[in-house]
Amino acid sequence: MIRSRRMEPVVRVAAHREQDAAKSFAQQQEVLTKQVAQLEELKSYRVEYSVQFQNRAGDGVSATALQDYRQFIDKLDLAIQQQELEVEQFRRRWLELKTRCNAMDKVVERFRTEERREADRREQSEMDERSSLNEVRRKE
């Protein structure tokens, strides 16, 4: 069996996985959009909360209020980091599958090109051989 044919099932599986990932990506695009919006909202809320706290801090705040503020900001920062990580991991997984599928497509295409060249060489060799035989027959 020729190499490109042997690779076709592997390519089909990889393509199927990539298509599934693409479908999942498309289906989850809305979720991703909401996640990004939530991330922006968290960032905006963090800035707003910081500004409000600084305005109140001008009048003086208790140590407890300052500690509560720090803890809340830390929680917001952690939520922002987790949201950024989730968005990035999702994109990375899809890109990884797409890259793997493209690589397999290139391998199969290379095999097919090599097979076409080999077939062309064989055909040319056969034509040369026929031509030589015809030449010998004419001389006889």
C-alpha atoms as a PDB file:
ATOM      1  CA  MET A   1       0.000   0.000   0.000  1.00  0.00           C
ATOM      2  CA  ILE A   2       1.333   3.440  -0.838  1.00  0.00           C
ATOM      3  CA  ARG A   3       2.396   5.709   2.009  1.00  0.00           C
ATOM      4  CA  SER A   4      -0.171   8.441   1.418  1.00  0.00           C
ATOM      5  CA  ARG A   5      -2.979   5.869   1.624  1.00  0.00           C
ATOM      6  CA  ARG A   6      -1.609   4.465   4.873  1.00  0.00           C
ATOM      7  CA  MET A   7      -1.577   7.970   6.355  1.00  0.00           C
ATOM      8  CA  GLU A   8      -5.148   8.806   5.307  1.00  0.00           C
ATOM      9  CA  PRO A   9      -6.813   7.233   8.389  1.00  0.00           C
ATOM     10  CA  VAL A  10      -4.427   9.120  10.663  1.00  0.00           C
ATOM     11  CA  VAL A  11      -5.156  12.350   8.811  1.00  0.00           C
ATOM     12  CA  ARG A  12      -8.906  11.698   8.982  1.00  0.00           C
ATOM     13  CA  VAL A  13      -8.725  11.183  12.745  1.00  0.00           C
ATOM     14  CA  ALA A  14      -6.622  14.322  13.186  1.00  0.00           C
ATOM     15  CA  ALA A  15      -8.922  16.303  10.906  1.00  0.00           C
ATOM     16  CA  HIS A  16     -11.954  15.008  12.790  1.00  0.00           C
ATOM     17  CA  ARG A  17     -10.399  16.058  16.097  1.00  0.00           C
ATOM     18  CA  GLU A  18      -9.494  19.468  14.690  1.00  0.00           C
ATOM     19  CA  GLN A  19     -13.018  19.876  13.290  1.00  0.00           C
ATOM     20  CA  ASP A  20     -14.497  18.879  16.634  1.00  0.00           C
ATOM     21  CA  ALA A  21     -12.240  21.410  18.321  1.00  0.00           C
ATOM     22  CA  ALA A  22     -13.231  24.043  15.761  1.00  0.00           C
ATOM     23  CA  LYS A  23     -16.930  23.281  16.297  1.00  0.00           C
ATOM     24  CA  SER A  24     -16.408  23.385  20.028  1.00  0.00           C
ATOM     25  CA  PHE A  25     -14.508  26.630  19.612  1.00  0.00           C
ATOM     26  CA  ALA A  26     -17.343  28.074  17.525  1.00  0.00           C
ATOM     27  CA  GLN A  27     -19.964  26.875  19.990  1.00  0.00           C
ATOM     28  CA  GLN A  28     -17.976  28.201  22.892  1.00  0.00           C
ATOM     29  CA  GLN A  29     -17.173  31.466  21.130  1.00  0.00           C
ATOM     30  CA  GLU A  30     -20.166  32.960  22.894  1.00  0.00           C
ATOM     31  CA  VAL A  31     -18.900  31.577  26.190  1.00  0.00           C
ATOM     32  CA  LEU A  32     -15.448  32.914  25.396  1.00  0.00           C
ATOM     33  CA  THR A  33     -16.906  36.313  24.550  1.00  0.00           C
ATOM     34  CA  LYS A  34     -18.737  36.300  27.879  1.00  0.00           C
ATOM     35  CA  GLN A  35     -15.546  35.253  29.660  1.00  0.00           C
ATOM     36  CA  VAL A  36     -13.604  38.081  28.046  1.00  0.00           C
ATOM     37  CA  ALA A  37     -16.408  40.502  28.926  1.00  0.00           C
ATOM     38  CA  GLN A  38     -16.356  39.196  32.483  1.00  0.00           C
ATOM     39  CA  LEU A  39     -12.590  39.656  32.554  1.00  0.00           C
ATOM     40  CA  GLU A  40     -12.941  43.253  31.388  1.00  0.00           C
ATOM     41  CA  GLU A  41     -15.691  43.811  33.915  1.00  0.00           C
ATOM     42  CA  LEU A  42     -13.473  42.467  36.703  1.00  0.00           C
ATOM     43  CA  LYS A  43     -10.643  44.760  35.621  1.00  0.00           C
ATOM     44  CA  SER A  44     -12.978  47.728  35.405  1.00  0.00           C
ATOM     45  CA  TYR A  45     -14.488  46.937  38.792  1.00  0.00           C
ATOM     46  CA  ARG A  46     -11.017  46.663  40.297  1.00  0.00           C
ATOM     47  CA  VAL A  47     -10.074  50.120  39.018  1.00  0.00           C
ATOM     48  CA  GLU A  48     -13.390  51.591  40.177  1.00  0.00           C
ATOM     49  CA  TYR A  49     -13.098  50.007  43.607  1.00  0.00           C
ATOM     50  CA  SER A  50      -9.518  51.256  43.978  1.00  0.00           C
ATOM     51  CA  VAL A  51     -10.513  54.808  43.066  1.00  0.00           C
ATOM     52  CA  GLN A  52     -13.431  54.747  45.518  1.00  0.00           C
ATOM     53  CA  PHE A  53     -11.222  53.409  48.280  1.00  0.00           C
ATOM     54  CA  GLN A  54      -8.547  56.041  47.636  1.00  0.00           C
ATOM     55  CA  ASN A  55     -11.199  58.765  47.798  1.00  0.00           C
ATOM     56  CA  ARG A  56     -12.417  57.426  51.142  1.00  0.00           C
ATOM     57  CA  ALA A  57      -8.850  56.893  52.367  1.00  0.00           C
ATOM     58  CA  GLY A  58      -8.240  60.623  52.032  1.00  0.00           C
ATOM     59  CA  ASP A  59     -10.531  61.087  55.027  1.00  0.00           C
ATOM     60  CA  GLY A  60      -8.728  58.329  56.907  1.00  0.00           C
ATOM     61  CA  VAL A  61      -9.603  54.664  57.202  1.00  0.00           C
ATOM     62  CA  SER A  62      -9.230  52.080  59.877  1.00  0.00           C
ATOM     63  CA  ALA A  63      -6.664  49.298  59.734  1.00  0.00           C
ATOM     64  CA  THR A  64      -9.513  46.810  59.387  1.00  0.00           C
ATOM     65  CA  ALA A  65     -10.940  48.674  56.379  1.00  0.00           C
ATOM     66  CA  LEU A  66      -7.477  48.789  54.806  1.00  0.00           C
ATOM     67  CA  GLN A  67      -6.982  45.068  55.417  1.00  0.00           C
ATOM     68  CA  ASP A  68     -10.432  44.283  53.960  1.00  0.00           C
ATOM     69  CA  TYR A  69      -9.608  46.407  50.923  1.00  0.00           C
ATOM     70  CA  ARG A  70      -6.291  44.563  50.383  1.00  0.00           C
ATOM     71  CA  GLN A  71      -7.960  41.163  50.694  1.00  0.00           C
ATOM     72  CA  PHE A  72     -10.706  42.131  48.273  1.00  0.00           C
ATOM     73  CA  ILE A  73      -8.200  43.497  45.737  1.00  0.00           C
ATOM     74  CA  ASP A  74      -6.145  40.300  46.078  1.00  0.00           C
ATOM     75  CA  LYS A  75      -9.268  38.220  45.376  1.00  0.00           C
ATOM     76  CA  LEU A  76     -10.081  40.361  42.357  1.00  0.00           C
ATOM     77  CA  ASP A  77      -6.515  40.025  41.068  1.00  0.00           C
ATOM     78  CA  LEU A  78      -6.701  36.251  41.493  1.00  0.00           C
ATOM     79  CA  ALA A  79     -10.051  36.100  39.665  1.00  0.00           C
ATOM     80  CA  ILE A  80      -8.574  38.195  36.838  1.00  0.00           C
ATOM     81  CA  GLN A  81      -5.526  35.915  36.573  1.00  0.00           C
ATOM     82  CA  GLN A  82      -7.684  32.779  36.537  1.00  0.00           C
ATOM     83  CA  GLN A  83      -9.968  34.236  33.880  1.00  0.00           C
ATOM     84  CA  GLU A  84      -6.999  35.219  31.705  1.00  0.00           C
ATOM     85  CA  LEU A  85      -5.508  31.748  32.117  1.00  0.00           C
ATOM     86  CA  GLU A  86      -8.759  30.020  31.188  1.00  0.00           C
ATOM     87  CA  VAL A  87      -9.159  32.095  28.021  1.00  0.00           C
ATOM     88  CA  GLU A  88      -5.541  31.495  27.005  1.00  0.00           C
ATOM     89  CA  GLN A  89      -5.667  27.729  27.665  1.00  0.00           C
ATOM     90  CA  PHE A  90      -8.786  27.386  25.572  1.00  0.00           C
ATOM     91  CA  ARG A  91      -7.206  29.193  22.640  1.00  0.00           C
ATOM     92  CA  ARG A  92      -3.966  27.230  23.000  1.00  0.00           C
ATOM     93  CA  ARG A  93      -5.720  23.829  22.934  1.00  0.00           C
ATOM     94  CA  TRP A  94      -7.555  24.663  19.731  1.00  0.00           C
ATOM     95  CA  LEU A  95      -4.434  26.054  18.063  1.00  0.00           C
ATOM     96  CA  GLU A  96      -2.452  22.954  19.052  1.00  0.00           C
ATOM     97  CA  LEU A  97      -4.993  20.650  17.409  1.00  0.00           C
ATOM     98  CA  LYS A  98      -5.115  22.793  14.290  1.00  0.00           C
ATOM     99  CA  THR A  99      -1.316  22.841  14.013  1.00  0.00           C
ATOM    100  CA  ARG A 100      -1.112  19.055  14.382  1.00  0.00           C
ATOM    101  CA  CYS A 101      -3.741  18.551  11.689  1.00  0.00           C
ATOM    102  CA  ASN A 102      -1.966  20.927   9.307  1.00  0.00           C
ATOM    103  CA  ALA A 103       1.334  19.096   9.864  1.00  0.00           C
ATOM    104  CA  MET A 104      -0.253  15.763   8.982  1.00  0.00           C
ATOM    105  CA  ASP A 105      -1.816  17.260   5.871  1.00  0.00           C
ATOM    106  CA  LYS A 106       1.632  18.432   4.783  1.00  0.00           C
ATOM    107  CA  VAL A 107       3.134  14.969   5.328  1.00  0.00           C
ATOM    108  CA  VAL A 108       0.428  13.314   3.256  1.00  0.00           C
ATOM    109  CA  GLU A 109       0.802  15.934   0.518  1.00  0.00           C
ATOM    110  CA  ARG A 110       4.561  15.322   0.461  1.00  0.00           C
ATOM    111  CA  PHE A 111       3.947  11.575   0.118  1.00  0.00           C
ATOM    112  CA  ARG A 112       1.514  12.175  -2.741  1.00  0.00           C
ATOM    113  CA  THR A 113       3.997  14.452  -4.504  1.00  0.00           C
ATOM    114  CA  GLU A 114       6.712  11.815  -4.185  1.00  0.00           C
ATOM    115  CA  GLU A 115       4.331   9.162  -5.477  1.00  0.00           C
ATOM    116  CA  ARG A 116       3.381  11.321  -8.491  1.00  0.00           C
ATOM    117  CA  ARG A 117       7.050  11.883  -9.284  1.00  0.00           C
ATOM    118  CA  GLU A 118       7.745   8.171  -9.040  1.00  0.00           C
ATOM    119  CA  ALA A 119       4.764   7.388 -11.281  1.00  0.00           C
ATOM    120  CA  ASP A 120       5.979  10.015 -13.789  1.00  0.00           C
ATOM    121  CA  ARG A 121       9.471   8.459 -13.744  1.00  0.00           C
ATOM    122  CA  ARG A 122       8.036   4.979 -14.323  1.00  0.00           C
ATOM    123  CA  GLU A 123       5.854   6.245 -17.137  1.00  0.00           C
ATOM    124  CA  GLN A 124       8.786   8.037 -18.740  1.00  0.00           C
ATOM    125  CA  SER A 125      10.925   4.928 -18.389  1.00  0.00           C
ATOM    126  CA  GLU A 126       8.222   2.796 -20.002  1.00  0.00           C
ATOM    127  CA  MET A 127       7.861   5.285 -22.845  1.00  0.00           C
ATOM    128  CA  ASP A 128      11.631   5.327 -23.353  1.00  0.00           C
ATOM    129  CA  GLU A 129      11.694   1.539 -23.353  1.00  0.00           C
ATOM    130  CA  ARG A 130       8.848   1.345 -25.901  1.00  0.00           C
ATOM    131  CA  SER A 131      10.555   3.928 -28.033  1.00  0.00           C
ATOM    132  CA  SER A 132      13.796   1.942 -27.929  1.00  0.00           C
ATOM    133  CA  LEU A 133      11.959  -1.275 -28.842  1.00  0.00           C
ATOM    134  CA  ASN A 134      10.205   0.472 -31.714  1.00  0.00           C
ATOM    135  CA  GLU A 135      13.549   1.826 -32.917  1.00  0.00           C
ATOM    136  CA  VAL A 136      15.100  -1.649 -32.771  1.00  0.00           C
ATOM    137  CA  ARG A 137      12.128  -3.133 -34.665  1.00  0.00           C
ATOM    138  CA  ARG A 138      12.403  -0.498 -37.389  1.00  0.00           C
ATOM    139  CA  LYS A 139      16.056  -1.270 -37.895  1.00  0.00           C
ATOM    140  CA  GLU A 140      15.390  -4.980 -38.245  1.00  0.00           C
END
